[in-house]
PDB file of N, CA and C in Angstrom:
ATOM      1  N   MET A   1      33.826  59.886 127.459  1.00  0.00           N
ATOM      2  CA  MET A   1      34.065  60.219 126.111  1.00  0.00           C
ATOM      3  C   MET A   1      32.846  59.499 125.794  1.00  0.00           C
ATOM      4  N   PHE A   2      32.518  59.794 124.977  1.00  0.00           N
ATOM      5  CA  PHE A   2      30.639  59.108 124.267  1.00  0.00           C
ATOM      6  C   PHE A   2      31.456  59.784 122.569  1.00  0.00           C
ATOM      7  N   GLY A   3      30.981  57.733 122.350  1.00  0.00           N
ATOM      8  CA  GLY A   3      31.128  57.554 120.451  1.00  0.00           C
ATOM      9  C   GLY A   3      32.165  58.352 120.287  1.00  0.00           C
ATOM     10  N   VAL A   4      33.094  57.374 121.192  1.00  0.00           N
ATOM     11  CA  VAL A   4      34.924  58.296 120.548  1.00  0.00           C
ATOM     12  C   VAL A   4      35.774  56.929 120.546  1.00  0.00           C
ATOM     13  N   THR A   5      36.700  56.745 120.199  1.00  0.00           N
ATOM     14  CA  THR A   5      37.562  55.628 120.302  1.00  0.00           C
ATOM     15  C   THR A   5      38.575  56.276 121.338  1.00  0.00           C
ATOM     16  N   PHE A   6      39.649  55.896 122.117  1.00  0.00           N
ATOM     17  CA  PHE A   6      40.871  56.950 122.378  1.00  0.00           C
ATOM     18  C   PHE A   6      42.005  57.301 121.495  1.00  0.00           C
ATOM     19  N   ASP A   7      41.221  56.890 119.930  1.00  0.00           N
ATOM     20  CA  ASP A   7      42.657  57.761 119.210  1.00  0.00           C
ATOM     21  C   ASP A   7      42.520  59.573 119.301  1.00  0.00           C
ATOM     22  N   PRO A   8      41.998  59.637 120.135  1.00  0.00           N
ATOM     23  CA  PRO A   8      42.791  61.698 120.102  1.00  0.00           C
ATOM     24  C   PRO A   8      42.444  62.003 121.547  1.00  0.00           C
ATOM     25  N   TYR A   9      42.318  59.985 122.431  1.00  0.00           N
ATOM     26  CA  TYR A   9      42.133  61.064 123.614  1.00  0.00           C
ATOM     27  C   TYR A   9      43.834  61.566 124.315  1.00  0.00           C
ATOM     28  N   THR A  10      44.421  62.839 124.573  1.00  0.00           N
ATOM     29  CA  THR A  10      45.568  64.058 124.912  1.00  0.00           C
ATOM     30  C   THR A  10      46.319  63.496 126.208  1.00  0.00           C
ATOM     31  N   LEU A  11      45.332  62.419 127.531  1.00  0.00           N
ATOM     32  CA  LEU A  11      46.246  61.772 127.616  1.00  0.00           C
ATOM     33  C   LEU A  11      47.807  60.805 127.650  1.00  0.00           C
ATOM     34  N   PHE A  12      47.965  60.518 126.275  1.00  0.00           N
ATOM     35  CA  PHE A  12      48.211  59.302 126.570  1.00  0.00           C
ATOM     36  C   PHE A  12      49.968  60.927 125.796  1.00  0.00           C
ATOM     37  N   HIS A  13      49.822  61.558 125.545  1.00  0.00           N
ATOM     38  CA  HIS A  13      51.115  62.872 124.678  1.00  0.00           C
ATOM     39  C   HIS A  13      51.533  63.197 126.318  1.00  0.00           C
ATOM     40  N   THR A  14      49.972  63.420 127.426  1.00  0.00           N
ATOM     41  CA  THR A  14      51.696  63.181 128.795  1.00  0.00           C
ATOM     42  C   THR A  14      52.038  62.737 129.214  1.00  0.00           C
ATOM     43  N   ALA A  15      51.496  61.665 129.460  1.00  0.00           N
ATOM     44  CA  ALA A  15      52.003  60.711 129.563  1.00  0.00           C
ATOM     45  C   ALA A  15      54.168  60.220 128.579  1.00  0.00           C
ATOM     46  N   GLU A  16      53.591  60.074 127.283  1.00  0.00           N
ATOM     47  CA  GLU A  16      54.743  60.395 125.890  1.00  0.00           C
ATOM     48  C   GLU A  16      56.074  61.596 127.177  1.00  0.00           C
ATOM     49  N   ASP A  17      55.423  62.701 127.439  1.00  0.00           N
ATOM     50  CA  ASP A  17      55.753  63.522 128.091  1.00  0.00           C
ATOM     51  C   ASP A  17      56.889  63.504 129.226  1.00  0.00           C
ATOM     52  N   ALA A  18      56.061  62.615 129.700  1.00  0.00           N
ATOM     53  CA  ALA A  18      56.745  62.381 132.117  1.00  0.00           C
ATOM     54  C   ALA A  18      57.170  61.202 131.709  1.00  0.00           C
ATOM     55  N   ALA A  19      57.114  60.211 130.073  1.00  0.00           N
ATOM     56  CA  ALA A  19      57.861  58.924 130.049  1.00  0.00           C
ATOM     57  C   ALA A  19      59.433  59.995 130.234  1.00  0.00           C
ATOM     58  N   GLY A  20      59.416  61.524 128.632  1.00  0.00           N
ATOM     59  CA  GLY A  20      60.364  61.167 128.369  1.00  0.00           C
ATOM     60  C   GLY A  20      61.070  60.662 127.304  1.00  0.00           C
ATOM     61  N   VAL A  21      59.906  59.639 126.038  1.00  0.00           N
ATOM     62  CA  VAL A  21      60.190  58.814 124.857  1.00  0.00           C
ATOM     63  C   VAL A  21      61.161  60.049 123.829  1.00  0.00           C
ATOM     64  N   PRO A  22      62.113  58.926 123.187  1.00  0.00           N
ATOM     65  CA  PRO A  22      62.516  59.191 122.070  1.00  0.00           C
ATOM     66  C   PRO A  22      62.610  60.817 120.836  1.00  0.00           C
ATOM     67  N   TYR A  23      60.895  59.970 120.794  1.00  0.00           N
ATOM     68  CA  TYR A  23      59.942  60.305 119.750  1.00  0.00           C
ATOM     69  C   TYR A  23      58.807  61.041 119.833  1.00  0.00           C
ATOM     70  N   LEU A  24      58.843  62.297 120.222  1.00  0.00           N
ATOM     71  CA  LEU A  24      57.499  62.995 120.969  1.00  0.00           C
ATOM     72  C   LEU A  24      57.306  64.328 120.256  1.00  0.00           C
ATOM     73  N   TYR A  25      59.134  64.878 120.036  1.00  0.00           N
ATOM     74  CA  TYR A  25      58.965  65.921 119.860  1.00  0.00           C
ATOM     75  C   TYR A  25      59.539  65.775 118.666  1.00  0.00           C
ATOM     76  N   GLU A  26      59.925  67.060 117.276  1.00  0.00           N
ATOM     77  CA  GLU A  26      60.684  67.171 116.651  1.00  0.00           C
ATOM     78  C   GLU A  26      61.461  67.644 116.783  1.00  0.00           C
ATOM     79  N   SER A  27      63.263  67.569 115.462  1.00  0.00           N
ATOM     80  CA  SER A  27      63.724  67.608 116.543  1.00  0.00           C
ATOM     81  C   SER A  27      63.953  69.636 116.579  1.00  0.00           C
ATOM     82  N   LYS A  28      63.695  70.075 115.409  1.00  0.00           N
ATOM     83  CA  LYS A  28      63.526  70.976 115.107  1.00  0.00           C
ATOM     84  C   LYS A  28      63.046  72.179 116.054  1.00  0.00           C
ATOM     85  N   PRO A  29      63.496  72.765 116.158  1.00  0.00           N
ATOM     86  CA  PRO A  29      62.574  74.207 116.984  1.00  0.00           C
ATOM     87  C   PRO A  29      61.799  75.305 116.720  1.00  0.00           C
ATOM     88  N   TYR A  30      61.119  75.601 116.975  1.00  0.00           N
ATOM     89  CA  TYR A  30      60.316  76.468 117.056  1.00  0.00           C
ATOM     90  C   TYR A  30      60.642  78.129 117.688  1.00  0.00           C
ATOM     91  N   VAL A  31      60.127  79.083 117.093  1.00  0.00           N
ATOM     92  CA  VAL A  31      60.277  79.801 118.455  1.00  0.00           C
ATOM     93  C   VAL A  31      59.467  81.016 117.577  1.00  0.00           C
ATOM     94  N   LEU A  32      57.954  81.341 118.777  1.00  0.00           N
ATOM     95  CA  LEU A  32      57.093  82.501 118.340  1.00  0.00           C
ATOM     96  C   LEU A  32      56.867  83.567 118.736  1.00  0.00           C
ATOM     97  N   HIS A  33      56.498  84.610 118.507  1.00  0.00           N
ATOM     98  CA  HIS A  33      57.091  85.717 118.735  1.00  0.00           C
ATOM     99  C   HIS A  33      55.663  86.003 118.934  1.00  0.00           C
ATOM    100  N   VAL A  34      55.652  86.968 120.166  1.00  0.00           N
ATOM    101  CA  VAL A  34      54.584  87.169 121.180  1.00  0.00           C
ATOM    102  C   VAL A  34      54.067  89.100 120.996  1.00  0.00           C
ATOM    103  N   ARG A  35      54.131  89.200 120.801  1.00  0.00           N
ATOM    104  CA  ARG A  35      53.023  90.786 120.822  1.00  0.00           C
ATOM    105  C   ARG A  35      52.508  90.893 121.338  1.00  0.00           C
ATOM    106  N   GLU A  36      53.081  91.183 122.822  1.00  0.00           N
ATOM    107  CA  GLU A  36      52.137  91.571 124.506  1.00  0.00           C
ATOM    108  C   GLU A  36      50.755  93.340 123.757  1.00  0.00           C
ATOM    109  N   ALA A  37      50.681  93.167 125.368  1.00  0.00           N
ATOM    110  CA  ALA A  37      49.122  94.261 125.399  1.00  0.00           C
ATOM    111  C   ALA A  37      49.917  95.460 125.310  1.00  0.00           C
ATOM    112  N   THR A  38      51.455  95.812 125.260  1.00  0.00           N
ATOM    113  CA  THR A  38      52.276  96.887 125.794  1.00  0.00           C
ATOM    114  C   THR A  38      53.053  96.855 123.808  1.00  0.00           C
ATOM    115  N   GLY A  39      52.697  96.376 123.668  1.00  0.00           N
ATOM    116  CA  GLY A  39      53.225  96.415 122.248  1.00  0.00           C
ATOM    117  C   GLY A  39      54.712  96.212 122.391  1.00  0.00           C
ATOM    118  N   ALA A  40      55.172  94.579 123.238  1.00  0.00           N
ATOM    119  CA  ALA A  40      56.304  94.655 123.386  1.00  0.00           C
ATOM    120  C   ALA A  40      56.486  93.271 122.277  1.00  0.00           C
ATOM    121  N   VAL A  41      57.494  92.751 121.500  1.00  0.00           N
ATOM    122  CA  VAL A  41      57.788  91.919 121.352  1.00  0.00           C
ATOM    123  C   VAL A  41      58.558  90.785 121.730  1.00  0.00           C
ATOM    124  N   ARG A  42      57.704  89.182 122.520  1.00  0.00           N
ATOM    125  CA  ARG A  42      58.822  88.347 123.443  1.00  0.00           C
ATOM    126  C   ARG A  42      58.917  86.943 122.678  1.00  0.00           C
ATOM    127  N   ASP A  43      59.899  86.252 122.280  1.00  0.00           N
ATOM    128  CA  ASP A  43      59.717  85.311 121.524  1.00  0.00           C
ATOM    129  C   ASP A  43      59.003  84.262 123.088  1.00  0.00           C
ATOM    130  N   PHE A  44      58.835  82.758 122.339  1.00  0.00           N
ATOM    131  CA  PHE A  44      57.976  81.851 122.667  1.00  0.00           C
ATOM    132  C   PHE A  44      58.578  80.440 122.509  1.00  0.00           C
ATOM    133  N   PRO A  45      58.995  79.857 123.257  1.00  0.00           N
ATOM    134  CA  PRO A  45      60.003  78.759 122.561  1.00  0.00           C
ATOM    135  C   PRO A  45      58.266  77.701 121.999  1.00  0.00           C
ATOM    136  N   LEU A  46      58.662  76.783 120.992  1.00  0.00           N
ATOM    137  CA  LEU A  46      57.097  76.299 121.079  1.00  0.00           C
ATOM    138  C   LEU A  46      58.241  75.258 120.889  1.00  0.00           C
ATOM    139  N   ARG A  47      58.310  73.909 120.937  1.00  0.00           N
ATOM    140  CA  ARG A  47      58.425  72.798 119.937  1.00  0.00           C
ATOM    141  C   ARG A  47      57.170  71.215 120.129  1.00  0.00           C
ATOM    142  N   ARG A  48      57.020  70.796 118.575  1.00  0.00           N
ATOM    143  CA  ARG A  48      55.841  70.853 118.208  1.00  0.00           C
ATOM    144  C   ARG A  48      55.627  68.685 117.822  1.00  0.00           C
ATOM    145  N   GLN A  49      54.771  68.086 117.896  1.00  0.00           N
ATOM    146  CA  GLN A  49      54.523  66.922 117.980  1.00  0.00           C
ATOM    147  C   GLN A  49      55.377  66.550 116.484  1.00  0.00           C
ATOM    148  N   ASP A  50      56.017  64.775 116.781  1.00  0.00           N
ATOM    149  CA  ASP A  50      57.226  65.130 115.866  1.00  0.00           C
ATOM    150  C   ASP A  50      55.588  63.845 114.835  1.00  0.00           C
ATOM    151  N   MET A  51      54.230  64.040 114.412  1.00  0.00           N
ATOM    152  CA  MET A  51      53.023  63.579 113.759  1.00  0.00           C
ATOM    153  C   MET A  51      53.918  62.344 112.270  1.00  0.00           C
ATOM    154  N   LYS A  52      54.514  61.922 112.449  1.00  0.00           N
ATOM    155  CA  LYS A  52      55.646  61.444 111.378  1.00  0.00           C
ATOM    156  C   LYS A  52      55.246  60.519 112.464  1.00  0.00           C
ATOM    157  N   VAL A  53      55.192  59.710 113.272  1.00  0.00           N
ATOM    158  CA  VAL A  53      55.120  58.775 114.273  1.00  0.00           C
ATOM    159  C   VAL A  53      53.646  58.399 114.550  1.00  0.00           C
ATOM    160  N   LEU A  54      53.498  57.432 114.268  1.00  0.00           N
ATOM    161  CA  LEU A  54      51.958  56.834 113.927  1.00  0.00           C
ATOM    162  C   LEU A  54      52.144  55.650 115.262  1.00  0.00           C
ATOM    163  N   ARG A  55      50.708  56.641 116.175  1.00  0.00           N
ATOM    164  CA  ARG A  55      50.999  56.420 117.201  1.00  0.00           C
ATOM    165  C   ARG A  55      49.137  54.988 117.285  1.00  0.00           C
ATOM    166  N   ARG A  56      48.882  54.257 118.243  1.00  0.00           N
ATOM    167  CA  ARG A  56      48.220  53.354 119.003  1.00  0.00           C
ATOM    168  C   ARG A  56      47.213  52.922 119.495  1.00  0.00           C
ATOM    169  N   PHE A  57      46.872  54.762 119.742  1.00  0.00           N
ATOM    170  CA  PHE A  57      46.071  55.159 121.055  1.00  0.00           C
ATOM    171  C   PHE A  57      44.446  54.458 120.856  1.00  0.00           C
ATOM    172  N   GLY A  58      44.243  54.412 119.470  1.00  0.00           N
ATOM    173  CA  GLY A  58      43.134  54.193 119.731  1.00  0.00           C
ATOM    174  C   GLY A  58      42.341  53.092 119.720  1.00  0.00           C
ATOM    175  N   GLU A  59      43.714  51.832 119.887  1.00  0.00           N
ATOM    176  CA  GLU A  59      43.824  50.111 120.572  1.00  0.00           C
ATOM    177  C   GLU A  59      44.035  49.939 121.630  1.00  0.00           C
ATOM    178  N   MET A  60      44.059  51.065 122.212  1.00  0.00           N
ATOM    179  CA  MET A  60      44.516  50.733 124.101  1.00  0.00           C
ATOM    180  C   MET A  60      43.573  50.796 124.912  1.00  0.00           C
ATOM    181  N   ASP A  61      42.295  50.624 124.388  1.00  0.00           N
ATOM    182  CA  ASP A  61      41.491  50.648 125.108  1.00  0.00           C
ATOM    183  C   ASP A  61      41.431  49.115 125.629  1.00  0.00           C
ATOM    184  N   LYS A  62      41.423  48.162 125.165  1.00  0.00           N
ATOM    185  CA  LYS A  62      41.071  46.873 126.350  1.00  0.00           C
ATOM    186  C   LYS A  62      42.526  46.896 126.680  1.00  0.00           C
ATOM    187  N   TRP A  63      43.578  47.203 126.351  1.00  0.00           N
ATOM    188  CA  TRP A  63      44.895  46.787 127.980  1.00  0.00           C
ATOM    189  C   TRP A  63      44.604  48.048 128.786  1.00  0.00           C
ATOM    190  N   LEU A  64      43.735  48.941 128.603  1.00  0.00           N
ATOM    191  CA  LEU A  64      43.395  50.526 129.789  1.00  0.00           C
ATOM    192  C   LEU A  64      41.935  49.364 130.712  1.00  0.00           C
ATOM    193  N   GLU A  65      41.156  48.911 129.646  1.00  0.00           N
ATOM    194  CA  GLU A  65      39.924  48.103 130.103  1.00  0.00           C
ATOM    195  C   GLU A  65      40.499  47.055 131.480  1.00  0.00           C
ATOM    196  N   SER A  66      41.790  46.195 130.468  1.00  0.00           N
ATOM    197  CA  SER A  66      41.832  44.508 131.680  1.00  0.00           C
ATOM    198  C   SER A  66      42.919  45.278 131.983  1.00  0.00           C
ATOM    199  N   ARG A  67      42.917  46.536 132.534  1.00  0.00           N
ATOM    200  CA  ARG A  67      44.083  46.745 133.733  1.00  0.00           C
ATOM    201  C   ARG A  67      43.143  47.631 135.604  1.00  0.00           C
ATOM    202  N   GLY A  68      41.235  47.896 134.712  1.00  0.00           N
ATOM    203  CA  GLY A  68      40.543  48.688 136.057  1.00  0.00           C
ATOM    204  C   GLY A  68      40.827  50.009 135.781  1.00  0.00           C
ATOM    205  N   LEU A  69      41.458  50.221 134.179  1.00  0.00           N
ATOM    206  CA  LEU A  69      41.681  51.898 133.738  1.00  0.00           C
ATOM    207  C   LEU A  69      39.980  52.347 132.431  1.00  0.00           C
ATOM    208  N   SER A  70      39.745  52.018 132.746  1.00  0.00           N
ATOM    209  CA  SER A  70      38.588  52.179 132.103  1.00  0.00           C
ATOM    210  C   SER A  70      37.265  51.430 131.782  1.00  0.00           C
ATOM    211  N   GLN A  71      36.080  52.329 131.864  1.00  0.00           N
ATOM    212  CA  GLN A  71      34.836  51.060 131.573  1.00  0.00           C
ATOM    213  C   GLN A  71      34.667  51.815 130.370  1.00  0.00           C
ATOM    214  N   ARG A  72      33.777  51.064 129.692  1.00  0.00           N
ATOM    215  CA  ARG A  72      33.008  50.784 128.918  1.00  0.00           C
ATOM    216  C   ARG A  72      30.964  49.943 129.352  1.00  0.00           C
ATOM    217  N   TYR A  73      30.511  50.863 128.144  1.00  0.00           N
ATOM    218  CA  TYR A  73      29.542  51.569 128.326  1.00  0.00           C
ATOM    219  C   TYR A  73      28.511  51.890 127.822  1.00  0.00           C
ATOM    220  N   ARG A  74      26.577  50.766 128.004  1.00  0.00           N
ATOM    221  CA  ARG A  74      26.193  51.203 126.416  1.00  0.00           C
ATOM    222  C   ARG A  74      25.294  52.746 126.759  1.00  0.00           C
ATOM    223  N   CYS A  75      24.591  53.426 125.646  1.00  0.00           N
ATOM    224  CA  CYS A  75      24.580  54.830 126.336  1.00  0.00           C
ATOM    225  C   CYS A  75      23.378  54.636 124.470  1.00  0.00           C
ATOM    226  N   GLY A  76      22.194  54.674 124.712  1.00  0.00           N
ATOM    227  CA  GLY A  76      21.293  54.605 123.548  1.00  0.00           C
ATOM    228  C   GLY A  76      22.193  53.219 122.235  1.00  0.00           C
ATOM    229  N   ARG A  77      22.019  54.521 121.444  1.00  0.00           N
ATOM    230  CA  ARG A  77      22.928  53.411 120.438  1.00  0.00           C
ATOM    231  C   ARG A  77      25.053  54.010 120.078  1.00  0.00           C
ATOM    232  N   GLY A  78      24.937  54.017 121.233  1.00  0.00           N
ATOM    233  CA  GLY A  78      26.229  55.150 121.076  1.00  0.00           C
ATOM    234  C   GLY A  78      26.947  54.367 122.868  1.00  0.00           C
ATOM    235  N   GLU A  79      28.493  54.751 123.135  1.00  0.00           N
ATOM    236  CA  GLU A  79      28.743  54.467 123.966  1.00  0.00           C
ATOM    237  C   GLU A  79      29.769  55.245 124.659  1.00  0.00           C
ATOM    238  N   ILE A  80      30.142  55.340 125.698  1.00  0.00           N
ATOM    239  CA  ILE A  80      31.099  55.224 126.929  1.00  0.00           C
ATOM    240  C   ILE A  80      32.544  55.134 126.974  1.00  0.00           C
ATOM    241  N   ARG A  81      32.841  55.518 127.431  1.00  0.00           N
ATOM    242  CA  ARG A  81      34.514  55.233 127.693  1.00  0.00           C
ATOM    243  C   ARG A  81      34.325  56.106 128.476  1.00  0.00           C
ATOM    244  N   TRP A  82      34.756  55.700 129.676  1.00  0.00           N
ATOM    245  CA  TRP A  82      33.958  56.083 131.167  1.00  0.00           C
ATOM    246  C   TRP A  82      36.312  57.025 131.691  1.00  0.00           C
ATOM    247  N   VAL A  83      36.933  56.976 132.388  1.00  0.00           N
ATOM    248  CA  VAL A  83      38.587  56.846 132.894  1.00  0.00           C
ATOM    249  C   VAL A  83      37.509  57.652 134.087  1.00  0.00           C
ATOM    250  N   PRO A  84      37.697  56.897 134.914  1.00  0.00           N
ATOM    251  CA  PRO A  84      37.834  56.928 136.536  1.00  0.00           C
ATOM    252  C   PRO A  84      38.808  57.914 137.737  1.00  0.00           C
ATOM    253  N   HIS A  85      39.760  56.777 137.045  1.00  0.00           N
ATOM    254  CA  HIS A  85      41.000  57.472 137.444  1.00  0.00           C
ATOM    255  C   HIS A  85      42.168  58.031 136.860  1.00  0.00           C
ATOM    256  N   ALA A  86      42.503  59.304 136.109  1.00  0.00           N
ATOM    257  CA  ALA A  86      43.348  59.436 134.777  1.00  0.00           C
ATOM    258  C   ALA A  86      45.087  59.965 135.624  1.00  0.00           C
ATOM    259  N   ALA A  87      44.570  59.978 136.716  1.00  0.00           N
ATOM    260  CA  ALA A  87      46.515  59.753 137.465  1.00  0.00           C
ATOM    261  C   ALA A  87      46.477  58.996 137.140  1.00  0.00           C
ATOM    262  N   ALA A  88      45.724  57.796 137.844  1.00  0.00           N
ATOM    263  CA  ALA A  88      45.966  56.248 137.662  1.00  0.00           C
ATOM    264  C   ALA A  88      46.566  55.648 136.017  1.00  0.00           C
ATOM    265  N   VAL A  89      45.516  55.945 135.441  1.00  0.00           N
ATOM    266  CA  VAL A  89      46.152  55.714 133.162  1.00  0.00           C
ATOM    267  C   VAL A  89      47.409  55.952 133.299  1.00  0.00           C
ATOM    268  N   HIS A  90      47.758  57.956 133.993  1.00  0.00           N
ATOM    269  CA  HIS A  90      49.153  57.901 134.201  1.00  0.00           C
ATOM    270  C   HIS A  90      50.215  57.648 134.488  1.00  0.00           C
ATOM    271  N   GLU A  91      49.804  57.349 135.200  1.00  0.00           N
ATOM    272  CA  GLU A  91      50.832  56.338 136.406  1.00  0.00           C
ATOM    273  C   GLU A  91      50.721  54.992 135.729  1.00  0.00           C
ATOM    274  N   GLU A  92      50.182  54.229 134.814  1.00  0.00           N
ATOM    275  CA  GLU A  92      50.101  53.131 134.192  1.00  0.00           C
ATOM    276  C   GLU A  92      51.341  53.196 132.781  1.00  0.00           C
ATOM    277  N   LEU A  93      50.819  54.439 132.565  1.00  0.00           N
ATOM    278  CA  LEU A  93      51.358  54.775 130.730  1.00  0.00           C
ATOM    279  C   LEU A  93      52.870  54.833 131.448  1.00  0.00           C
ATOM    280  N   CYS A  94      52.967  55.897 132.421  1.00  0.00           N
ATOM    281  CA  CYS A  94      54.526  56.069 132.289  1.00  0.00           C
ATOM    282  C   CYS A  94      54.998  55.147 132.086  1.00  0.00           C
ATOM    283  N   THR A  95      54.663  53.629 133.748  1.00  0.00           N
ATOM    284  CA  THR A  95      55.959  53.199 134.064  1.00  0.00           C
ATOM    285  C   THR A  95      55.538  51.967 132.278  1.00  0.00           C
ATOM    286  N   ALA A  96      54.894  51.280 131.619  1.00  0.00           N
ATOM    287  CA  ALA A  96      54.692  50.865 130.486  1.00  0.00           C
ATOM    288  C   ALA A  96      55.343  51.516 129.743  1.00  0.00           C
ATOM    289  N   LEU A  97      55.987  53.085 129.636  1.00  0.00           N
ATOM    290  CA  LEU A  97      56.207  53.428 128.151  1.00  0.00           C
ATOM    291  C   LEU A  97      57.471  53.593 129.381  1.00  0.00           C
ATOM    292  N   ARG A  98      58.452  53.667 130.200  1.00  0.00           N
ATOM    293  CA  ARG A  98      59.394  53.221 130.766  1.00  0.00           C
ATOM    294  C   ARG A  98      60.057  52.278 130.418  1.00  0.00           C
ATOM    295  N   ALA A  99      59.294  51.728 129.943  1.00  0.00           N
ATOM    296  CA  ALA A  99      59.825  49.937 130.173  1.00  0.00           C
ATOM    297  C   ALA A  99      60.164  49.962 128.772  1.00  0.00           C
ATOM    298  N   ASP A 100      59.072  50.565 127.523  1.00  0.00           N
ATOM    299  CA  ASP A 100      59.674  50.189 126.474  1.00  0.00           C
ATOM    300  C   ASP A 100      59.032  51.292 125.229  1.00  0.00           C
ATOM    301  N   PRO A 101      59.563  51.885 125.115  1.00  0.00           N
ATOM    302  CA  PRO A 101      59.513  53.344 124.683  1.00  0.00           C
ATOM    303  C   PRO A 101      58.339  54.201 124.112  1.00  0.00           C
ATOM    304  N   TRP A 102      58.512  53.201 122.853  1.00  0.00           N
ATOM    305  CA  TRP A 102      57.417  53.519 121.365  1.00  0.00           C
ATOM    306  C   TRP A 102      55.718  52.555 121.958  1.00  0.00           C
ATOM    307  N   PHE A 103      56.121  51.477 122.879  1.00  0.00           N
ATOM    308  CA  PHE A 103      55.198  50.934 124.096  1.00  0.00           C
ATOM    309  C   PHE A 103      53.174  51.806 123.407  1.00  0.00           C
ATOM    310  N   LEU A 104      53.731  52.817 122.606  1.00  0.00           N
ATOM    311  CA  LEU A 104      52.209  53.014 122.184  1.00  0.00           C
ATOM    312  C   LEU A 104      52.806  54.293 120.388  1.00  0.00           C
ATOM    313  N   THR A 105      53.063  53.043 120.118  1.00  0.00           N
ATOM    314  CA  THR A 105      54.016  53.552 118.803  1.00  0.00           C
ATOM    315  C   THR A 105      52.735  52.370 117.771  1.00  0.00           C
ATOM    316  N   HIS A 106      53.161  52.497 116.800  1.00  0.00           N
ATOM    317  CA  HIS A 106      53.644  51.588 115.462  1.00  0.00           C
ATOM    318  C   HIS A 106      54.843  51.035 114.835  1.00  0.00           C
ATOM    319  N   GLY A 107      56.155  50.646 116.030  1.00  0.00           N
ATOM    320  CA  GLY A 107      57.160  51.273 116.250  1.00  0.00           C
ATOM    321  C   GLY A 107      57.983  52.196 115.079  1.00  0.00           C
ATOM    322  N   ARG A 108      58.742  52.718 115.243  1.00  0.00           N
ATOM    323  CA  ARG A 108      60.169  53.513 114.417  1.00  0.00           C
ATOM    324  C   ARG A 108      59.168  54.975 113.374  1.00  0.00           C
ATOM    325  N   PRO A 109      59.700  56.248 113.666  1.00  0.00           N
ATOM    326  CA  PRO A 109      59.125  57.219 112.315  1.00  0.00           C
ATOM    327  C   PRO A 109      58.829  56.514 111.110  1.00  0.00           C
ATOM    328  N   ARG A 110      58.186  57.142 110.741  1.00  0.00           N
ATOM    329  CA  ARG A 110      58.319  56.487 108.781  1.00  0.00           C
ATOM    330  C   ARG A 110      58.999  58.293 108.531  1.00  0.00           C
ATOM    331  N   ALA A 111      59.417  57.729 107.397  1.00  0.00           N
ATOM    332  CA  ALA A 111      60.343  58.953 106.648  1.00  0.00           C
ATOM    333  C   ALA A 111      59.003  59.729 105.505  1.00  0.00           C
TER     334      ALA A 111
END
């Protein structure tokens, strides 16, 4: 990743899902109606991420670096954040989230 923080890093969401955190999805289900090429309409269930829960993904760089899961390099005026093994990051995050489901958040959802 060049010139960005871990704020938009979607691997965090996959770990939240795999760990079964209680806040990831809105409680209200959604159904999309998809028209196929044949003209048939098919229902497609959808779960939306609960955006009321404030994440701290951008602050996870030091945590990842301290575990050897991420490295940081200067490149010109920018910075590269390198994750050599995404699977290792995923497993470490799942372990942390199973111990504390709110580990990647700023606490409980806002009203």
